[in-house]
Amino acid sequence: MWFGEAAITLTALEFEILAAFMARPEVVFNRDQIMEAAYGGGTFVSDRTIDSHIRNLRAKFAEVGCASIVETVHGVGFRLGSAS
C-alpha cells in the first residue's frame, strides 16, 4: 500500500480492516464489526487484539506522516480518519 510516495507494508488483517474503513468512511465501526471485516464470520478474538491491529495501523501510517488514519469515537468504536 502507498501513502503519497511512501510504501507501507500491511499484514493481511491490517489491510482488511483498512479496506473496511475505506469502503464506508462515514461509518463508525465497533470492535465486532472490525472483527467481522478482518477475520470473517465464525472467528472470535479478544477486543484487545483489534486494539493491537488499530495501534499497528496508526503507527505504520504515522511513520510516513499520516498521524490520523484511524480515529477513535469514544464509547462507540473507530472510523477512517483524515489523510493529513
PDB file of N, CA and C in Angstrom:
ATOM      1  N   MET A   1       0.850  -1.164   0.000  1.00  0.00           N
ATOM      2  CA  MET A   1       0.000   0.000   0.000  1.00  0.00           C
ATOM      3  C   MET A   1       0.899   1.232   0.000  1.00  0.00           C
ATOM      4  N   TRP A   2       0.386   2.278  -0.594  1.00  0.00           N
ATOM      5  CA  TRP A   2       1.140   3.518  -0.681  1.00  0.00           C
ATOM      6  C   TRP A   2       0.385   4.653  -0.009  1.00  0.00           C
ATOM      7  N   PHE A   3       1.132   5.521   0.652  1.00  0.00           N
ATOM      8  CA  PHE A   3       0.604   6.782   1.157  1.00  0.00           C
ATOM      9  C   PHE A   3       1.493   7.859   0.574  1.00  0.00           C
ATOM     10  N   GLY A   4       0.966   8.567  -0.405  1.00  0.00           N
ATOM     11  CA  GLY A   4       1.798   9.511  -1.139  1.00  0.00           C
ATOM     12  C   GLY A   4       2.898   8.756  -1.848  1.00  0.00           C
ATOM     13  N   GLU A   5       4.134   9.100  -1.578  1.00  0.00           N
ATOM     14  CA  GLU A   5       5.293   8.440  -2.184  1.00  0.00           C
ATOM     15  C   GLU A   5       5.855   7.325  -1.306  1.00  0.00           C
ATOM     16  N   ALA A   6       5.274   7.128  -0.129  1.00  0.00           N
ATOM     17  CA  ALA A   6       5.816   6.158   0.831  1.00  0.00           C
ATOM     18  C   ALA A   6       5.073   4.822   0.764  1.00  0.00           C
ATOM     19  N   ALA A   7       5.851   3.762   0.700  1.00  0.00           N
ATOM     20  CA  ALA A   7       5.275   2.414   0.732  1.00  0.00           C
ATOM     21  C   ALA A   7       5.026   2.015   2.182  1.00  0.00           C
ATOM     22  N   ILE A   8       3.881   1.400   2.415  1.00  0.00           N
ATOM     23  CA  ILE A   8       3.529   0.923   3.747  1.00  0.00           C
ATOM     24  C   ILE A   8       3.219  -0.562   3.623  1.00  0.00           C
ATOM     25  N   THR A   9       3.886  -1.360   4.438  1.00  0.00           N
ATOM     26  CA  THR A   9       3.657  -2.802   4.440  1.00  0.00           C
ATOM     27  C   THR A   9       2.622  -3.130   5.508  1.00  0.00           C
ATOM     28  N   LEU A  10       1.509  -3.685   5.057  1.00  0.00           N
ATOM     29  CA  LEU A  10       0.435  -4.069   5.973  1.00  0.00           C
ATOM     30  C   LEU A  10       0.301  -5.585   6.003  1.00  0.00           C
ATOM     31  N   THR A  11      -0.104  -6.097   7.162  1.00  0.00           N
ATOM     32  CA  THR A  11      -0.468  -7.507   7.221  1.00  0.00           C
ATOM     33  C   THR A  11      -1.812  -7.667   6.524  1.00  0.00           C
ATOM     34  N   ALA A  12      -2.188  -8.896   6.236  1.00  0.00           N
ATOM     35  CA  ALA A  12      -3.482  -9.147   5.589  1.00  0.00           C
ATOM     36  C   ALA A  12      -4.626  -8.637   6.464  1.00  0.00           C
ATOM     37  N   LEU A  13      -4.539  -8.825   7.766  1.00  0.00           N
ATOM     38  CA  LEU A  13      -5.604  -8.371   8.664  1.00  0.00           C
ATOM     39  C   LEU A  13      -5.666  -6.849   8.719  1.00  0.00           C
ATOM     40  N   GLU A  14      -4.512  -6.196   8.775  1.00  0.00           N
ATOM     41  CA  GLU A  14      -4.496  -4.733   8.766  1.00  0.00           C
ATOM     42  C   GLU A  14      -5.102  -4.208   7.472  1.00  0.00           C
ATOM     43  N   PHE A  15      -4.768  -4.855   6.366  1.00  0.00           N
ATOM     44  CA  PHE A  15      -5.310  -4.439   5.077  1.00  0.00           C
ATOM     45  C   PHE A  15      -6.827  -4.580   5.055  1.00  0.00           C
ATOM     46  N   GLU A  16      -7.356  -5.688   5.559  1.00  0.00           N
ATOM     47  CA  GLU A  16      -8.804  -5.905   5.585  1.00  0.00           C
ATOM     48  C   GLU A  16      -9.510  -4.867   6.457  1.00  0.00           C
ATOM     49  N   ILE A  17      -8.919  -4.535   7.576  1.00  0.00           N
ATOM     50  CA  ILE A  17      -9.500  -3.510   8.452  1.00  0.00           C
ATOM     51  C   ILE A  17      -9.527  -2.167   7.742  1.00  0.00           C
ATOM     52  N   LEU A  18      -8.410  -1.786   7.153  1.00  0.00           N
ATOM     53  CA  LEU A  18      -8.342  -0.505   6.447  1.00  0.00           C
ATOM     54  C   LEU A  18      -9.294  -0.486   5.258  1.00  0.00           C
ATOM     55  N   ALA A  19      -9.402  -1.596   4.548  1.00  0.00           N
ATOM     56  CA  ALA A  19     -10.323  -1.675   3.408  1.00  0.00           C
ATOM     57  C   ALA A  19     -11.761  -1.472   3.864  1.00  0.00           C
ATOM     58  N   ALA A  20     -12.128  -2.033   5.006  1.00  0.00           N
ATOM     59  CA  ALA A  20     -13.487  -1.845   5.538  1.00  0.00           C
ATOM     60  C   ALA A  20     -13.731  -0.373   5.859  1.00  0.00           C
ATOM     61  N   PHE A  21     -12.753   0.273   6.489  1.00  0.00           N
ATOM     62  CA  PHE A  21     -12.885   1.702   6.797  1.00  0.00           C
ATOM     63  C   PHE A  21     -13.017   2.526   5.511  1.00  0.00           C
ATOM     64  N   MET A  22     -12.200   2.208   4.523  1.00  0.00           N
ATOM     65  CA  MET A  22     -12.206   2.985   3.282  1.00  0.00           C
ATOM     66  C   MET A  22     -13.476   2.757   2.464  1.00  0.00           C
ATOM     67  N   ALA A  23     -14.047   1.574   2.558  1.00  0.00           N
ATOM     68  CA  ALA A  23     -15.278   1.283   1.820  1.00  0.00           C
ATOM     69  C   ALA A  23     -16.471   2.056   2.370  1.00  0.00           C
ATOM     70  N   ARG A  24     -16.425   2.361   3.654  1.00  0.00           N
ATOM     71  CA  ARG A  24     -17.530   3.093   4.292  1.00  0.00           C
ATOM     72  C   ARG A  24     -16.955   4.138   5.247  1.00  0.00           C
ATOM     73  N   PRO A  25     -16.352   5.202   4.709  1.00  0.00           N
ATOM     74  CA  PRO A  25     -15.627   6.166   5.544  1.00  0.00           C
ATOM     75  C   PRO A  25     -16.497   6.936   6.534  1.00  0.00           C
ATOM     76  N   GLU A  26     -17.788   6.977   6.298  1.00  0.00           N
ATOM     77  CA  GLU A  26     -18.673   7.717   7.204  1.00  0.00           C
ATOM     78  C   GLU A  26     -19.142   6.878   8.390  1.00  0.00           C
ATOM     79  N   VAL A  27     -18.853   5.581   8.364  1.00  0.00           N
ATOM     80  CA  VAL A  27     -19.359   4.659   9.384  1.00  0.00           C
ATOM     81  C   VAL A  27     -18.362   4.542  10.533  1.00  0.00           C
ATOM     82  N   VAL A  28     -18.896   4.531  11.753  1.00  0.00           N
ATOM     83  CA  VAL A  28     -18.099   4.218  12.932  1.00  0.00           C
ATOM     84  C   VAL A  28     -18.287   2.724  13.190  1.00  0.00           C
ATOM     85  N   PHE A  29     -17.196   1.981  13.151  1.00  0.00           N
ATOM     86  CA  PHE A  29     -17.228   0.534  13.332  1.00  0.00           C
ATOM     87  C   PHE A  29     -16.949   0.180  14.784  1.00  0.00           C
ATOM     88  N   ASN A  30     -17.774  -0.696  15.345  1.00  0.00           N
ATOM     89  CA  ASN A  30     -17.443  -1.205  16.671  1.00  0.00           C
ATOM     90  C   ASN A  30     -16.472  -2.371  16.513  1.00  0.00           C
ATOM     91  N   ARG A  31     -15.953  -2.874  17.603  1.00  0.00           N
ATOM     92  CA  ARG A  31     -14.946  -3.928  17.524  1.00  0.00           C
ATOM     93  C   ARG A  31     -15.482  -5.197  16.866  1.00  0.00           C
ATOM     94  N   ASP A  32     -16.740  -5.531  17.101  1.00  0.00           N
ATOM     95  CA  ASP A  32     -17.320  -6.723  16.473  1.00  0.00           C
ATOM     96  C   ASP A  32     -17.363  -6.580  14.952  1.00  0.00           C
ATOM     97  N   GLN A  33     -17.703  -5.401  14.470  1.00  0.00           N
ATOM     98  CA  GLN A  33     -17.744  -5.170  13.025  1.00  0.00           C
ATOM     99  C   GLN A  33     -16.339  -5.222  12.419  1.00  0.00           C
ATOM    100  N   ILE A  34     -15.366  -4.706  13.143  1.00  0.00           N
ATOM    101  CA  ILE A  34     -13.986  -4.764  12.665  1.00  0.00           C
ATOM    102  C   ILE A  34     -13.516  -6.214  12.643  1.00  0.00           C
ATOM    103  N   MET A  35     -13.866  -6.963  13.682  1.00  0.00           N
ATOM    104  CA  MET A  35     -13.510  -8.378  13.741  1.00  0.00           C
ATOM    105  C   MET A  35     -14.096  -9.137  12.556  1.00  0.00           C
ATOM    106  N   GLU A  36     -15.343  -8.856  12.223  1.00  0.00           N
ATOM    107  CA  GLU A  36     -16.004  -9.494  11.080  1.00  0.00           C
ATOM    108  C   GLU A  36     -15.294  -9.138   9.774  1.00  0.00           C
ATOM    109  N   ALA A  37     -14.922  -7.872   9.628  1.00  0.00           N
ATOM    110  CA  ALA A  37     -14.242  -7.433   8.408  1.00  0.00           C
ATOM    111  C   ALA A  37     -12.869  -8.087   8.265  1.00  0.00           C
ATOM    112  N   ALA A  38     -12.159  -8.234   9.365  1.00  0.00           N
ATOM    113  CA  ALA A  38     -10.794  -8.748   9.311  1.00  0.00           C
ATOM    114  C   ALA A  38     -10.726 -10.270   9.272  1.00  0.00           C
ATOM    115  N   TYR A  39     -11.571 -10.916  10.071  1.00  0.00           N
ATOM    116  CA  TYR A  39     -11.466 -12.363  10.238  1.00  0.00           C
ATOM    117  C   TYR A  39     -12.573 -13.146   9.551  1.00  0.00           C
ATOM    118  N   GLY A  40     -13.630 -12.457   9.144  1.00  0.00           N
ATOM    119  CA  GLY A  40     -14.763 -13.172   8.574  1.00  0.00           C
ATOM    120  C   GLY A  40     -15.657 -13.736   9.677  1.00  0.00           C
ATOM    121  N   GLY A  41     -16.727 -14.385   9.272  1.00  0.00           N
ATOM    122  CA  GLY A  41     -17.675 -14.925  10.246  1.00  0.00           C
ATOM    123  C   GLY A  41     -17.136 -16.144  10.972  1.00  0.00           C
ATOM    124  N   GLY A  42     -17.624 -16.328  12.176  1.00  0.00           N
ATOM    125  CA  GLY A  42     -17.311 -17.522  12.933  1.00  0.00           C
ATOM    126  C   GLY A  42     -15.981 -17.513  13.661  1.00  0.00           C
ATOM    127  N   THR A  43     -15.261 -16.399  13.624  1.00  0.00           N
ATOM    128  CA  THR A  43     -13.985 -16.327  14.329  1.00  0.00           C
ATOM    129  C   THR A  43     -14.114 -15.306  15.441  1.00  0.00           C
ATOM    130  N   PHE A  44     -13.627 -15.668  16.614  1.00  0.00           N
ATOM    131  CA  PHE A  44     -13.659 -14.745  17.736  1.00  0.00           C
ATOM    132  C   PHE A  44     -12.254 -14.494  18.222  1.00  0.00           C
ATOM    133  N   VAL A  45     -11.926 -13.231  18.390  1.00  0.00           N
ATOM    134  CA  VAL A  45     -10.663 -12.831  19.008  1.00  0.00           C
ATOM    135  C   VAL A  45     -10.986 -11.789  20.072  1.00  0.00           C
ATOM    136  N   SER A  46     -10.064 -11.573  20.949  1.00  0.00           N
ATOM    137  CA  SER A  46     -10.232 -10.600  22.020  1.00  0.00           C
ATOM    138  C   SER A  46     -10.364  -9.182  21.473  1.00  0.00           C
ATOM    139  N   ASP A  47     -11.113  -8.358  22.181  1.00  0.00           N
ATOM    140  CA  ASP A  47     -11.202  -6.938  21.827  1.00  0.00           C
ATOM    141  C   ASP A  47      -9.818  -6.308  21.763  1.00  0.00           C
ATOM    142  N   ARG A  48      -8.943  -6.748  22.638  1.00  0.00           N
ATOM    143  CA  ARG A  48      -7.593  -6.196  22.699  1.00  0.00           C
ATOM    144  C   ARG A  48      -6.790  -6.533  21.447  1.00  0.00           C
ATOM    145  N   THR A  49      -7.122  -7.634  20.781  1.00  0.00           N
ATOM    146  CA  THR A  49      -6.467  -7.971  19.520  1.00  0.00           C
ATOM    147  C   THR A  49      -6.805  -6.927  18.468  1.00  0.00           C
ATOM    148  N   ILE A  50      -8.076  -6.536  18.426  1.00  0.00           N
ATOM    149  CA  ILE A  50      -8.499  -5.485  17.487  1.00  0.00           C
ATOM    150  C   ILE A  50      -7.764  -4.192  17.815  1.00  0.00           C
ATOM    151  N   ASP A  51      -7.668  -3.872  19.092  1.00  0.00           N
ATOM    152  CA  ASP A  51      -6.942  -2.659  19.501  1.00  0.00           C
ATOM    153  C   ASP A  51      -5.492  -2.705  19.032  1.00  0.00           C
ATOM    154  N   SER A  52      -4.875  -3.876  19.078  1.00  0.00           N
ATOM    155  CA  SER A  52      -3.491  -4.020  18.623  1.00  0.00           C
ATOM    156  C   SER A  52      -3.374  -3.759  17.127  1.00  0.00           C
ATOM    157  N   HIS A  53      -4.307  -4.281  16.354  1.00  0.00           N
ATOM    158  CA  HIS A  53      -4.287  -4.038  14.912  1.00  0.00           C
ATOM    159  C   HIS A  53      -4.455  -2.546  14.608  1.00  0.00           C
ATOM    160  N   ILE A  54      -5.361  -1.893  15.319  1.00  0.00           N
ATOM    161  CA  ILE A  54      -5.575  -0.445  15.134  1.00  0.00           C
ATOM    162  C   ILE A  54      -4.305   0.319  15.507  1.00  0.00           C
ATOM    163  N   ARG A  55      -3.695  -0.039  16.625  1.00  0.00           N
ATOM    164  CA  ARG A  55      -2.457   0.611  17.066  1.00  0.00           C
ATOM    165  C   ARG A  55      -1.363   0.434  16.011  1.00  0.00           C
ATOM    166  N   ASN A  56      -1.248  -0.769  15.444  1.00  0.00           N
ATOM    167  CA  ASN A  56      -0.231  -1.019  14.414  1.00  0.00           C
ATOM    168  C   ASN A  56      -0.490  -0.208  13.147  1.00  0.00           C
ATOM    169  N   LEU A  57      -1.755  -0.130  12.730  1.00  0.00           N
ATOM    170  CA  LEU A  57      -2.097   0.702  11.571  1.00  0.00           C
ATOM    171  C   LEU A  57      -1.700   2.148  11.813  1.00  0.00           C
ATOM    172  N   ARG A  58      -2.050   2.659  12.975  1.00  0.00           N
ATOM    173  CA  ARG A  58      -1.718   4.052  13.301  1.00  0.00           C
ATOM    174  C   ARG A  58      -0.211   4.276  13.264  1.00  0.00           C
ATOM    175  N   ALA A  59       0.545   3.358  13.833  1.00  0.00           N
ATOM    176  CA  ALA A  59       2.000   3.511  13.892  1.00  0.00           C
ATOM    177  C   ALA A  59       2.611   3.486  12.495  1.00  0.00           C
ATOM    178  N   LYS A  60       2.165   2.567  11.662  1.00  0.00           N
ATOM    179  CA  LYS A  60       2.715   2.461  10.306  1.00  0.00           C
ATOM    180  C   LYS A  60       2.428   3.710   9.483  1.00  0.00           C
ATOM    181  N   PHE A  61       1.229   4.240   9.613  1.00  0.00           N
ATOM    182  CA  PHE A  61       0.903   5.450   8.855  1.00  0.00           C
ATOM    183  C   PHE A  61       1.574   6.683   9.462  1.00  0.00           C
ATOM    184  N   ALA A  62       1.724   6.718  10.779  1.00  0.00           N
ATOM    185  CA  ALA A  62       2.397   7.845  11.422  1.00  0.00           C
ATOM    186  C   ALA A  62       3.853   7.947  10.963  1.00  0.00           C
ATOM    187  N   GLU A  63       4.483   6.799  10.711  1.00  0.00           N
ATOM    188  CA  GLU A  63       5.873   6.790  10.248  1.00  0.00           C
ATOM    189  C   GLU A  63       6.044   7.509   8.918  1.00  0.00           C
ATOM    190  N   VAL A  64       4.995   7.557   8.122  1.00  0.00           N
ATOM    191  CA  VAL A  64       5.089   8.210   6.805  1.00  0.00           C
ATOM    192  C   VAL A  64       4.345   9.544   6.767  1.00  0.00           C
ATOM    193  N   GLY A  65       3.980  10.055   7.953  1.00  0.00           N
ATOM    194  CA  GLY A  65       3.413  11.392   8.022  1.00  0.00           C
ATOM    195  C   GLY A  65       1.905  11.481   8.106  1.00  0.00           C
ATOM    196  N   CYS A  66       1.227  10.379   8.309  1.00  0.00           N
ATOM    197  CA  CYS A  66      -0.235  10.394   8.441  1.00  0.00           C
ATOM    198  C   CYS A  66      -0.590   9.960   9.854  1.00  0.00           C
ATOM    199  N   ALA A  67      -0.735  10.930  10.725  1.00  0.00           N
ATOM    200  CA  ALA A  67      -0.936  10.637  12.138  1.00  0.00           C
ATOM    201  C   ALA A  67      -2.376  10.320  12.508  1.00  0.00           C
ATOM    202  N   SER A  68      -3.303  10.457  11.576  1.00  0.00           N
ATOM    203  CA  SER A  68      -4.714  10.281  11.965  1.00  0.00           C
ATOM    204  C   SER A  68      -5.473   9.378  10.992  1.00  0.00           C
ATOM    205  N   ILE A  69      -4.881   8.267  10.599  1.00  0.00           N
ATOM    206  CA  ILE A  69      -5.548   7.370   9.659  1.00  0.00           C
ATOM    207  C   ILE A  69      -6.791   6.736  10.270  1.00  0.00           C
ATOM    208  N   VAL A  70      -6.765   6.475  11.571  1.00  0.00           N
ATOM    209  CA  VAL A  70      -7.913   5.893  12.267  1.00  0.00           C
ATOM    210  C   VAL A  70      -8.266   6.784  13.447  1.00  0.00           C
ATOM    211  N   GLU A  71      -9.517   7.185  13.511  1.00  0.00           N
ATOM    212  CA  GLU A  71      -9.999   7.999  14.633  1.00  0.00           C
ATOM    213  C   GLU A  71     -10.776   7.129  15.605  1.00  0.00           C
ATOM    214  N   THR A  72     -10.638   7.425  16.885  1.00  0.00           N
ATOM    215  CA  THR A  72     -11.419   6.767  17.912  1.00  0.00           C
ATOM    216  C   THR A  72     -12.666   7.593  18.181  1.00  0.00           C
ATOM    217  N   VAL A  73     -13.813   6.948  18.195  1.00  0.00           N
ATOM    218  CA  VAL A  73     -15.059   7.586  18.616  1.00  0.00           C
ATOM    219  C   VAL A  73     -15.375   6.956  19.963  1.00  0.00           C
ATOM    220  N   HIS A  74     -15.071   7.678  21.017  1.00  0.00           N
ATOM    221  CA  HIS A  74     -15.157   7.140  22.373  1.00  0.00           C
ATOM    222  C   HIS A  74     -16.537   6.584  22.675  1.00  0.00           C
ATOM    223  N   GLY A  75     -16.535   5.378  23.221  1.00  0.00           N
ATOM    224  CA  GLY A  75     -17.770   4.724  23.581  1.00  0.00           C
ATOM    225  C   GLY A  75     -18.473   4.012  22.428  1.00  0.00           C
ATOM    226  N   VAL A  76     -17.928   4.160  21.204  1.00  0.00           N
ATOM    227  CA  VAL A  76     -18.573   3.559  20.036  1.00  0.00           C
ATOM    228  C   VAL A  76     -17.596   2.644  19.305  1.00  0.00           C
ATOM    229  N   GLY A  77     -16.487   3.204  18.811  1.00  0.00           N
ATOM    230  CA  GLY A  77     -15.535   2.406  18.047  1.00  0.00           C
ATOM    231  C   GLY A  77     -14.561   3.253  17.283  1.00  0.00           C
ATOM    232  N   PHE A  78     -14.320   2.886  16.034  1.00  0.00           N
ATOM    233  CA  PHE A  78     -13.300   3.526  15.207  1.00  0.00           C
ATOM    234  C   PHE A  78     -13.849   3.842  13.829  1.00  0.00           C
ATOM    235  N   ARG A  79     -13.236   4.847  13.190  1.00  0.00           N
ATOM    236  CA  ARG A  79     -13.609   5.182  11.810  1.00  0.00           C
ATOM    237  C   ARG A  79     -12.367   5.694  11.090  1.00  0.00           C
ATOM    238  N   LEU A  80     -12.500   5.776   9.780  1.00  0.00           N
ATOM    239  CA  LEU A  80     -11.415   6.310   8.972  1.00  0.00           C
ATOM    240  C   LEU A  80     -11.181   7.759   9.345  1.00  0.00           C
ATOM    241  N   GLY A  81      -9.935   8.094   9.562  1.00  0.00           N
ATOM    242  CA  GLY A  81      -9.574   9.469   9.901  1.00  0.00           C
ATOM    243  C   GLY A  81      -9.212  10.242   8.656  1.00  0.00           C
ATOM    244  N   SER A  82      -8.559  11.341   8.863  1.00  0.00           N
ATOM    245  CA  SER A  82      -8.139  12.175   7.744  1.00  0.00           C
ATOM    246  C   SER A  82      -6.769  11.709   7.265  1.00  0.00           C
ATOM    247  N   ALA A  83      -6.440  12.077   6.073  1.00  0.00           N
ATOM    248  CA  ALA A  83      -5.156  11.676   5.496  1.00  0.00           C
ATOM    249  C   ALA A  83      -4.104  12.759   5.668  1.00  0.00           C
ATOM    250  N   SER A  84      -4.305  13.642   6.608  1.00  0.00           N
ATOM    251  CA  SER A  84      -3.308  14.713   6.783  1.00  0.00           C
ATOM    252  C   SER A  84      -2.330  14.377   7.860  1.00  0.00           C
TER     253      SER A  84
END
